[in-house]
């Protein structure tokens, strides 16, 4: 075997070993590249999920706030409608003259509740003259009512014993305020269905 043949054999062996080293290096490089790519994709997916969760949470918070604001606005409008109705009722009551029967009935009812022999009656300024006339026509009432005074109210009467110890408020305002908690839910149900 000549020197040339030995050189060729060594060269072939070195080439084969170099080829194996290159193939091995390329394989390791591919594996590293694949691993880095997988890590990058996992990181990207994780960040994407984090951003999506954050966006969904923000959207849910915004929707909840919008829903609360819408409910508050609806409640405000409903309250305004109810307040307008109550205001109209009070206005109608203040323009109502009372009428003979109603005025006397409210005064009698209050007097009977006090059980006092002598009473003082408070009525609205618009009703003072009318009540004085009605009392003069009713001897039984005239015997018990010693004084009729003006009181700022929409109508009805306040009756108190002559010492001012017992007082019965039978004014429209007080009767309406006592009635409102009972009728407002019904009015709301009629108007808004709830």
Protein backbone atom coordinates (compact mmCIF):
# COMPACT_ATOMS: atom_id res chain seq x y z
CA UNK A 1 0.00 0.00 0.00
CA UNK A 2 1.42 3.18 -1.12
CA UNK A 3 1.55 6.42 0.63
CA UNK A 4 -1.01 7.80 -1.68
CA UNK A 5 -3.48 5.08 -0.78
CA UNK A 6 -2.90 5.67 2.95
CA UNK A 7 -3.44 9.41 2.46
CA UNK A 8 -6.64 8.75 0.57
CA UNK A 9 -7.87 6.34 3.25
CA UNK A 10 -7.06 8.88 6.00
CA UNK A 11 -8.70 11.66 3.97
CA UNK A 12 -11.80 9.51 3.35
CA UNK A 13 -11.93 8.64 7.05
CA UNK A 14 -11.55 12.34 8.05
CA UNK A 15 -14.22 13.30 5.49
CA UNK A 16 -16.57 10.62 6.85
CA UNK A 17 -15.93 11.74 10.44
CA UNK A 18 -16.39 15.41 9.43
CA UNK A 19 -19.58 14.45 7.61
CA UNK A 20 -20.84 12.66 10.74
CA UNK A 21 -19.89 15.68 12.89
CA UNK A 22 -21.70 18.04 10.48
CA UNK A 23 -24.80 15.80 10.38
CA UNK A 24 -24.74 15.51 14.18
CA UNK A 25 -24.26 19.29 14.55
CA UNK A 26 -27.07 19.97 12.08
CA UNK A 27 -29.35 17.55 13.98
CA UNK A 28 -28.51 19.20 17.32
CA UNK A 29 -29.03 22.66 15.77
CA UNK A 30 -32.42 21.54 14.41
CA UNK A 31 -33.39 20.14 17.82
CA UNK A 32 -32.31 23.37 19.56
CA UNK A 33 -34.14 25.43 16.96
CA UNK A 34 -37.28 23.28 17.41
CA UNK A 35 -37.01 23.56 21.20
CA UNK A 36 -36.57 27.35 21.01
CA UNK A 37 -39.49 27.53 18.57
CA UNK A 38 -41.68 25.44 20.95
CA UNK A 39 -40.67 27.61 23.92
CA UNK A 40 -41.39 30.74 21.90
CA UNK A 41 -44.82 29.40 20.85
CA UNK A 42 -45.62 28.37 24.44
CA UNK A 43 -44.57 31.81 25.68
CA UNK A 44 -46.58 33.47 22.91
CA UNK A 45 -49.65 31.32 23.73
CA UNK A 46 -49.30 32.07 27.44
CA UNK A 47 -49.01 35.83 26.78
CA UNK A 48 -51.93 35.67 24.33
CA UNK A 49 -54.07 33.87 26.94
CA UNK A 50 -53.05 36.39 29.61
CA UNK A 51 -54.01 39.30 27.35
CA UNK A 52 -57.29 37.60 26.39
CA UNK A 53 -58.16 37.00 30.06
CA UNK A 54 -57.29 40.60 30.86
CA UNK A 55 -59.42 41.85 27.94
CA UNK A 56 -62.32 39.58 28.94
CA UNK A 57 -62.10 40.74 32.58
CA UNK A 58 -62.04 44.38 31.44
CA UNK A 59 -65.01 43.74 29.13
CA UNK A 60 -66.93 42.05 31.96
CA UNK A 61 -66.12 44.96 34.31
CA UNK A 62 -67.23 47.48 31.66
CA UNK A 63 -70.44 45.53 31.02
CA UNK A 64 -71.17 45.32 34.74
CA UNK A 65 -70.62 49.07 35.15
CA UNK A 66 -72.81 49.81 32.12
CA UNK A 67 -75.50 47.51 33.49
CA UNK A 68 -75.39 49.21 36.91
CA UNK A 69 -75.55 52.65 35.30
CA UNK A 70 -78.48 51.58 33.12
CA UNK A 71 -80.35 50.20 36.16
CA UNK A 72 -79.61 53.38 38.12
CA UNK A 73 -80.84 55.55 35.23
CA UNK A 74 -84.00 53.44 34.89
CA UNK A 75 -84.60 53.62 38.66
CA UNK A 76 -84.07 57.40 38.56
CA UNK A 77 -86.63 57.76 35.74
CA UNK A 78 -89.12 55.51 37.57
CA UNK A 79 -88.67 57.55 40.76
CA UNK A 80 -89.18 60.78 38.82
CA UNK A 81 -92.43 59.41 37.36
CA UNK A 82 -93.65 58.32 40.82
CA UNK A 83 -92.63 61.69 42.36
CA UNK A 84 -94.49 63.48 39.56
CA UNK A 85 -97.63 61.44 40.27
CA UNK A 86 -97.40 62.16 44.03
CA UNK A 87 -96.82 65.85 43.28
CA UNK A 88 -99.90 65.95 41.02
CA UNK A 89 -101.99 64.24 43.70
CA UNK A 90 -100.83 66.77 46.31
CA UNK A 91 -101.58 69.63 43.91
CA UNK A 92 -105.03 68.23 43.19
CA UNK A 93 -105.68 67.87 46.93
CA UNK A 94 -104.57 71.45 47.60
CA UNK A 95 -107.00 72.71 44.94
CA UNK A 96 -109.83 70.58 46.33
CA UNK A 97 -112.26 72.64 48.38
CA UNK A 98 -112.91 69.75 50.72
CA UNK A 99 -116.69 69.70 50.47
CA UNK A 100 -119.13 69.79 53.34
CA UNK A 101 -119.32 66.06 53.99
CA UNK A 102 -115.60 65.35 53.73
CA UNK A 103 -114.56 68.24 55.98
CA UNK A 104 -117.10 67.37 58.65
CA UNK A 105 -116.31 63.65 58.45
CA UNK A 106 -112.59 64.27 58.99
CA UNK A 107 -113.24 66.66 61.88
CA UNK A 108 -115.78 64.29 63.53
CA UNK A 109 -113.43 61.33 63.12
CA UNK A 110 -110.59 63.24 64.79
CA UNK A 111 -112.85 64.55 67.61
CA UNK A 112 -114.16 61.04 68.31
CA UNK A 113 -110.59 59.77 68.52
CA UNK A 114 -109.62 62.38 71.14
CA UNK A 115 -112.67 61.78 73.41
CA UNK A 116 -112.19 65.38 74.56
CA UNK A 117 -115.21 67.51 75.53
CA UNK A 118 -113.68 70.66 74.09
CA UNK A 119 -111.31 70.85 71.13
CA UNK A 120 -109.40 73.20 68.93
CA UNK A 121 -109.52 72.56 65.14
CA UNK A 122 -106.82 73.54 62.66
CA UNK A 123 -107.72 73.70 58.96
CA UNK A 124 -106.20 75.19 55.81
CA UNK A 125 -106.68 78.92 55.25
CA UNK A 126 -109.00 78.14 52.32
CA UNK A 127 -111.25 76.02 54.57
CA UNK A 128 -111.49 78.24 57.69
CA UNK A 129 -114.64 80.16 56.66
CA UNK A 130 -116.39 77.04 55.32
CA UNK A 131 -115.67 75.01 58.46
CA UNK A 132 -116.84 77.87 60.71
CA UNK A 133 -120.12 77.94 58.76
CA UNK A 134 -120.53 74.15 58.97
CA UNK A 135 -119.86 74.15 62.71
CA UNK A 136 -122.49 76.89 63.29
CA UNK A 137 -125.02 74.70 61.47
CA UNK A 138 -124.17 71.64 63.61
CA UNK A 139 -125.07 72.32 67.28
CA UNK A 140 -123.36 69.16 68.52
CA UNK A 141 -120.06 70.14 66.88
CA UNK A 142 -120.47 73.76 67.94
CA UNK A 143 -120.65 72.61 71.57
CA UNK A 144 -117.33 70.77 71.33
CA UNK A 145 -115.28 72.96 68.97
CA UNK A 146 -114.16 75.99 70.93
CA UNK A 147 -111.71 77.38 68.41
CA UNK A 148 -110.96 77.08 64.66
CA UNK A 149 -107.47 78.12 63.59
CA UNK A 150 -105.60 78.33 60.33
CA UNK A 151 -102.94 75.72 59.59
CA UNK A 152 -100.69 75.32 56.56
CA UNK A 153 -101.89 72.11 54.89
CA UNK A 154 -103.58 70.99 51.67
CA UNK A 155 -106.85 70.14 53.43
CA UNK A 156 -108.38 68.06 56.17
CA UNK A 157 -107.97 68.99 59.82
CA UNK A 158 -105.91 68.67 62.97
CA UNK A 159 -107.95 68.35 66.13
CA UNK A 160 -106.47 68.72 69.60
CA UNK A 161 -107.94 68.84 73.06
CA UNK A 162 -108.19 72.34 74.49
CA UNK A 163 -105.05 71.77 76.64
CA UNK A 164 -103.03 70.73 73.58
CA UNK A 165 -102.09 67.38 75.13
CA UNK A 166 -103.80 65.17 72.56
CA UNK A 167 -103.55 65.97 68.87
CA UNK A 168 -105.04 64.03 65.95
CA UNK A 169 -103.63 64.83 62.51
CA UNK A 170 -106.32 64.12 59.93
CA UNK A 171 -104.88 66.36 57.20
CA UNK A 172 -104.75 65.25 53.58
CA UNK A 173 -100.95 65.47 53.73
CA UNK A 174 -100.62 63.08 56.67
CA UNK A 175 -103.25 60.68 55.36
CA UNK A 176 -101.54 60.64 51.95
CA UNK A 177 -98.10 60.03 53.54
CA UNK A 178 -99.57 57.11 55.51
CA UNK A 179 -101.21 55.73 52.36
CA UNK A 180 -98.23 56.11 49.98
CA UNK A 181 -96.19 53.10 51.25
CA UNK A 182 -99.23 50.91 50.56
CA UNK A 183 -100.16 52.31 47.13
CA UNK A 184 -96.74 53.10 45.61
CA UNK A 185 -95.88 49.42 44.98
CA UNK A 186 -99.23 49.01 43.21
CA UNK A 187 -98.68 52.17 41.15
CA UNK A 188 -95.18 50.96 40.24
CA UNK A 189 -96.55 47.56 39.27
CA UNK A 190 -99.22 49.17 37.07
CA UNK A 191 -96.75 51.53 35.40
CA UNK A 192 -93.66 49.36 35.08
CA UNK A 193 -94.97 45.81 35.42
CA UNK A 194 -92.79 44.99 38.46
